[in-house]
Amino acid sequence: MSKLIAVLIAAAAIVLIVAGCGGGSDSSSDSSSLSKAQFIKQADAICEKGNKENEAEFEEFAKEHNLSEKMEPSKAVQEEAISEIVAPSVGKQIEEIDALGAPEGDEGKIEAMVAAVEEGVEEIEANPGSLTEGKNPLAKGSKLAKEYGLKTCGEEG
């Protein structure tokens, strides 16, 4: 993996970490038969798949932009990657996890994660530079995911 891809992934890592930690706004109204353990397993699988897809997309992005490991991408290029790859991926993963439905009794916790992630995604869409500036609009969602027991979706780094 080139330095460029590593830099792009690092710039977007915060988003990738949290990408699947929430669901969508309908999760509290879904009737789910999933246990908490099943929910965590399935949500983390969604995140793992999304992270792998993102890595491949970053590699393609680097090729399309003729970026090499000898150069660090500009802030504008990093923001483009965040806008074109990360933000849509987070939205997709949130939707997939939403489709799982919240485990019975945990609707409030899942709803809080969902809200935090959705707010973070909106902030990233409005200002992709927030990640390149070292801010983490998804920190709250990540914390809630980790507290709930998600591993891939709430991991750091």
C-alpha atoms as a PDB file:
ATOM      1  CA  MET A   1       0.000   0.000   0.000  1.00  0.00           C
ATOM      2  CA  SER A   2       1.455   3.325  -0.960  1.00  0.00           C
ATOM      3  CA  LYS A   3       2.093   6.190   1.414  1.00  0.00           C
ATOM      4  CA  LEU A   4      -0.669   8.084  -0.342  1.00  0.00           C
ATOM      5  CA  ILE A   5      -3.236   5.428   0.305  1.00  0.00           C
ATOM      6  CA  ALA A   6      -2.075   5.255   3.905  1.00  0.00           C
ATOM      7  CA  VAL A   7      -2.470   9.027   4.229  1.00  0.00           C
ATOM      8  CA  LEU A   8      -5.917   8.964   2.640  1.00  0.00           C
ATOM      9  CA  ILE A   9      -6.971   6.102   4.850  1.00  0.00           C
ATOM     10  CA  ALA A  10      -5.597   7.883   7.890  1.00  0.00           C
ATOM     11  CA  ALA A  11      -7.509  11.020   6.955  1.00  0.00           C
ATOM     12  CA  ALA A  12     -10.661   8.991   6.627  1.00  0.00           C
ATOM     13  CA  ALA A  13      -9.995   6.470   9.387  1.00  0.00           C
ATOM     14  CA  ILE A  14     -12.182   8.242  11.878  1.00  0.00           C
ATOM     15  CA  VAL A  15     -15.135   7.865   9.580  1.00  0.00           C
ATOM     16  CA  LEU A  16     -14.328   4.280   8.704  1.00  0.00           C
ATOM     17  CA  ILE A  17     -14.062   3.410  12.358  1.00  0.00           C
ATOM     18  CA  VAL A  18     -17.505   4.646  13.090  1.00  0.00           C
ATOM     19  CA  ALA A  19     -19.162   4.004   9.817  1.00  0.00           C
ATOM     20  CA  GLY A  20     -21.277   1.107  10.895  1.00  0.00           C
ATOM     21  CA  CYS A  21     -21.796   1.910  14.507  1.00  0.00           C
ATOM     22  CA  GLY A  22     -25.231   3.353  14.100  1.00  0.00           C
ATOM     23  CA  GLY A  23     -28.324   2.526  12.188  1.00  0.00           C
ATOM     24  CA  GLY A  24     -30.925   4.760  10.663  1.00  0.00           C
ATOM     25  CA  SER A  25     -33.723   6.705  12.204  1.00  0.00           C
ATOM     26  CA  ASP A  26     -36.131   3.795  11.784  1.00  0.00           C
ATOM     27  CA  SER A  27     -34.210   1.398  14.052  1.00  0.00           C
ATOM     28  CA  SER A  28     -36.290   2.110  17.130  1.00  0.00           C
ATOM     29  CA  SER A  29     -39.499   1.259  15.308  1.00  0.00           C
ATOM     30  CA  ASP A  30     -38.261  -2.005  13.806  1.00  0.00           C
ATOM     31  CA  SER A  31     -39.379  -5.220  15.400  1.00  0.00           C
ATOM     32  CA  SER A  32     -36.151  -7.137  15.689  1.00  0.00           C
ATOM     33  CA  SER A  33     -35.667 -10.680  16.801  1.00  0.00           C
ATOM     34  CA  LEU A  34     -31.900 -10.204  17.009  1.00  0.00           C
ATOM     35  CA  SER A  35     -30.199 -10.640  20.326  1.00  0.00           C
ATOM     36  CA  LYS A  36     -27.598  -8.072  21.331  1.00  0.00           C
ATOM     37  CA  ALA A  37     -24.813 -10.537  20.447  1.00  0.00           C
ATOM     38  CA  GLN A  38     -26.337 -11.196  17.015  1.00  0.00           C
ATOM     39  CA  PHE A  39     -26.766  -7.471  16.396  1.00  0.00           C
ATOM     40  CA  ILE A  40     -23.126  -6.787  17.308  1.00  0.00           C
ATOM     41  CA  LYS A  41     -21.873  -9.640  15.124  1.00  0.00           C
ATOM     42  CA  GLN A  42     -23.921  -8.538  12.111  1.00  0.00           C
ATOM     43  CA  ALA A  43     -23.172  -4.833  12.544  1.00  0.00           C
ATOM     44  CA  ASP A  44     -19.440  -5.483  12.849  1.00  0.00           C
ATOM     45  CA  ALA A  45     -19.599  -7.652   9.716  1.00  0.00           C
ATOM     46  CA  ILE A  46     -21.178  -4.729   7.857  1.00  0.00           C
ATOM     47  CA  CYS A  47     -18.382  -2.451   9.078  1.00  0.00           C
ATOM     48  CA  GLU A  48     -15.664  -4.933   8.139  1.00  0.00           C
ATOM     49  CA  LYS A  49     -17.087  -5.281   4.627  1.00  0.00           C
ATOM     50  CA  GLY A  50     -17.370  -1.500   4.289  1.00  0.00           C
ATOM     51  CA  ASN A  51     -13.809  -0.962   5.484  1.00  0.00           C
ATOM     52  CA  LYS A  52     -12.487  -3.424   2.886  1.00  0.00           C
ATOM     53  CA  GLU A  53     -14.525  -1.766   0.144  1.00  0.00           C
ATOM     54  CA  ASN A  54     -13.180   1.632   1.198  1.00  0.00           C
ATOM     55  CA  GLU A  55      -9.590   0.452   1.053  1.00  0.00           C
ATOM     56  CA  ALA A  56     -10.126  -0.759  -2.519  1.00  0.00           C
ATOM     57  CA  GLU A  57     -11.834   2.517  -3.435  1.00  0.00           C
ATOM     58  CA  PHE A  58      -8.941   4.504  -1.958  1.00  0.00           C
ATOM     59  CA  GLU A  59      -6.481   2.511  -4.052  1.00  0.00           C
ATOM     60  CA  GLU A  60      -8.524   3.231  -7.189  1.00  0.00           C
ATOM     61  CA  PHE A  61      -8.801   6.903  -6.199  1.00  0.00           C
ATOM     62  CA  ALA A  62      -5.009   7.096  -5.889  1.00  0.00           C
ATOM     63  CA  LYS A  63      -4.556   5.593  -9.358  1.00  0.00           C
ATOM     64  CA  GLU A  64      -7.135   7.924 -10.922  1.00  0.00           C
ATOM     65  CA  HIS A  65      -5.424  10.957  -9.385  1.00  0.00           C
ATOM     66  CA  ASN A  66      -1.905   9.772 -10.293  1.00  0.00           C
ATOM     67  CA  LEU A  67      -0.866   9.908  -6.681  1.00  0.00           C
ATOM     68  CA  SER A  68       2.269   8.172  -5.550  1.00  0.00           C
ATOM     69  CA  GLU A  69       3.787   7.142  -2.256  1.00  0.00           C
ATOM     70  CA  LYS A  70       6.384   9.889  -2.645  1.00  0.00           C
ATOM     71  CA  MET A  71       3.812  12.624  -2.297  1.00  0.00           C
ATOM     72  CA  GLU A  72       1.355  13.479   0.396  1.00  0.00           C
ATOM     73  CA  PRO A  73      -2.026  14.365  -1.066  1.00  0.00           C
ATOM     74  CA  SER A  74      -3.139  17.960  -0.773  1.00  0.00           C
ATOM     75  CA  LYS A  75      -5.904  18.888   1.594  1.00  0.00           C
ATOM     76  CA  ALA A  76      -8.202  19.323  -1.411  1.00  0.00           C
ATOM     77  CA  VAL A  77      -7.468  15.782  -2.620  1.00  0.00           C
ATOM     78  CA  GLN A  78      -8.021  14.389   0.876  1.00  0.00           C
ATOM     79  CA  GLU A  79     -11.325  16.244   1.115  1.00  0.00           C
ATOM     80  CA  GLU A  80     -12.349  14.906  -2.301  1.00  0.00           C
ATOM     81  CA  ALA A  81     -11.654  11.351  -1.112  1.00  0.00           C
ATOM     82  CA  ILE A  82     -13.659  11.957   2.028  1.00  0.00           C
ATOM     83  CA  SER A  83     -16.575  13.388   0.032  1.00  0.00           C
ATOM     84  CA  GLU A  84     -16.539  10.753  -2.717  1.00  0.00           C
ATOM     85  CA  ILE A  85     -15.655   7.643  -0.726  1.00  0.00           C
ATOM     86  CA  VAL A  86     -16.023   8.004   3.022  1.00  0.00           C
ATOM     87  CA  ALA A  87     -19.237   9.954   3.482  1.00  0.00           C
ATOM     88  CA  PRO A  88     -21.261   7.805   1.045  1.00  0.00           C
ATOM     89  CA  SER A  89     -19.856   4.650   2.608  1.00  0.00           C
ATOM     90  CA  VAL A  90     -20.831   5.745   6.091  1.00  0.00           C
ATOM     91  CA  GLY A  91     -24.345   6.478   4.898  1.00  0.00           C
ATOM     92  CA  LYS A  92     -24.604   3.078   3.232  1.00  0.00           C
ATOM     93  CA  GLN A  93     -23.350   1.237   6.295  1.00  0.00           C
ATOM     94  CA  ILE A  94     -25.742   3.141   8.537  1.00  0.00           C
ATOM     95  CA  GLU A  95     -28.629   2.106   6.310  1.00  0.00           C
ATOM     96  CA  GLU A  96     -27.535  -1.536   6.346  1.00  0.00           C
ATOM     97  CA  ILE A  97     -27.257  -1.598  10.098  1.00  0.00           C
ATOM     98  CA  ASP A  98     -30.592   0.163  10.412  1.00  0.00           C
ATOM     99  CA  ALA A  99     -32.134  -2.713   8.503  1.00  0.00           C
ATOM    100  CA  LEU A 100     -31.018  -5.053  11.295  1.00  0.00           C
ATOM    101  CA  GLY A 101     -33.354  -3.423  13.791  1.00  0.00           C
ATOM    102  CA  ALA A 102     -32.477  -2.801  17.433  1.00  0.00           C
ATOM    103  CA  PRO A 103     -32.422  -5.688  19.901  1.00  0.00           C
ATOM    104  CA  GLU A 104     -35.418  -5.633  22.202  1.00  0.00           C
ATOM    105  CA  GLY A 105     -34.816  -3.314  25.141  1.00  0.00           C
ATOM    106  CA  ASP A 106     -31.879  -1.579  23.454  1.00  0.00           C
ATOM    107  CA  GLU A 107     -33.851   0.686  21.149  1.00  0.00           C
ATOM    108  CA  GLY A 108     -32.790   3.821  23.037  1.00  0.00           C
ATOM    109  CA  LYS A 109     -29.103   2.943  22.877  1.00  0.00           C
ATOM    110  CA  ILE A 110     -29.251   2.170  19.181  1.00  0.00           C
ATOM    111  CA  GLU A 111     -31.274   5.311  18.533  1.00  0.00           C
ATOM    112  CA  ALA A 112     -28.623   7.409  20.330  1.00  0.00           C
ATOM    113  CA  MET A 113     -25.850   5.834  18.239  1.00  0.00           C
ATOM    114  CA  VAL A 114     -27.863   6.411  15.090  1.00  0.00           C
ATOM    115  CA  ALA A 115     -28.452  10.057  15.882  1.00  0.00           C
ATOM    116  CA  ALA A 116     -24.802  10.649  16.741  1.00  0.00           C
ATOM    117  CA  VAL A 117     -23.558   9.005  13.558  1.00  0.00           C
ATOM    118  CA  GLU A 118     -26.109  10.746  11.353  1.00  0.00           C
ATOM    119  CA  GLU A 119     -25.151  14.120  12.819  1.00  0.00           C
ATOM    120  CA  GLY A 120     -21.487  13.313  12.243  1.00  0.00           C
ATOM    121  CA  VAL A 121     -22.115  12.299   8.641  1.00  0.00           C
ATOM    122  CA  GLU A 122     -24.026  15.524   8.020  1.00  0.00           C
ATOM    123  CA  GLU A 123     -21.114  17.526   9.431  1.00  0.00           C
ATOM    124  CA  ILE A 124     -18.626  15.630   7.264  1.00  0.00           C
ATOM    125  CA  GLU A 125     -20.761  16.177   4.170  1.00  0.00           C
ATOM    126  CA  ALA A 126     -20.966  19.891   4.948  1.00  0.00           C
ATOM    127  CA  ASN A 127     -17.277  20.193   5.841  1.00  0.00           C
ATOM    128  CA  PRO A 128     -15.098  17.280   4.677  1.00  0.00           C
ATOM    129  CA  GLY A 129     -12.097  19.295   5.826  1.00  0.00           C
ATOM    130  CA  SER A 130     -13.074  18.679   9.427  1.00  0.00           C
ATOM    131  CA  LEU A 131     -11.305  15.312   9.239  1.00  0.00           C
ATOM    132  CA  THR A 132      -8.159  16.758   7.684  1.00  0.00           C
ATOM    133  CA  GLU A 133      -8.155  19.347  10.465  1.00  0.00           C
ATOM    134  CA  GLY A 134      -8.026  16.616  13.098  1.00  0.00           C
ATOM    135  CA  LYS A 135     -11.648  16.917  14.175  1.00  0.00           C
ATOM    136  CA  ASN A 136     -13.812  13.843  14.603  1.00  0.00           C
ATOM    137  CA  PRO A 137     -17.473  14.576  13.912  1.00  0.00           C
ATOM    138  CA  LEU A 138     -18.206  10.913  14.646  1.00  0.00           C
ATOM    139  CA  ALA A 139     -16.461  10.690  18.020  1.00  0.00           C
ATOM    140  CA  LYS A 140     -19.717  10.497  19.945  1.00  0.00           C
ATOM    141  CA  GLY A 141     -21.077   7.745  17.687  1.00  0.00           C
ATOM    142  CA  SER A 142     -17.821   5.829  17.991  1.00  0.00           C
ATOM    143  CA  LYS A 143     -17.895   6.067  21.767  1.00  0.00           C
ATOM    144  CA  LEU A 144     -21.497   4.866  21.914  1.00  0.00           C
ATOM    145  CA  ALA A 145     -20.737   1.995  19.537  1.00  0.00           C
ATOM    146  CA  LYS A 146     -17.793   0.856  21.604  1.00  0.00           C
ATOM    147  CA  GLU A 147     -19.794   1.151  24.826  1.00  0.00           C
ATOM    148  CA  TYR A 148     -22.543  -0.964  23.270  1.00  0.00           C
ATOM    149  CA  GLY A 149     -20.016  -3.660  22.440  1.00  0.00           C
ATOM    150  CA  LEU A 150     -19.298  -3.146  18.762  1.00  0.00           C
ATOM    151  CA  LYS A 151     -15.690  -3.846  17.908  1.00  0.00           C
ATOM    152  CA  THR A 152     -15.041  -3.214  14.222  1.00  0.00           C
ATOM    153  CA  CYS A 153     -17.537  -0.371  14.083  1.00  0.00           C
ATOM    154  CA  GLY A 154     -16.257   1.382  17.173  1.00  0.00           C
ATOM    155  CA  GLU A 155     -12.553   0.602  17.042  1.00  0.00           C
ATOM    156  CA  GLU A 156      -9.965   3.345  17.032  1.00  0.00           C
ATOM    157  CA  GLY A 157      -7.269   3.346  14.379  1.00  0.00           C
END
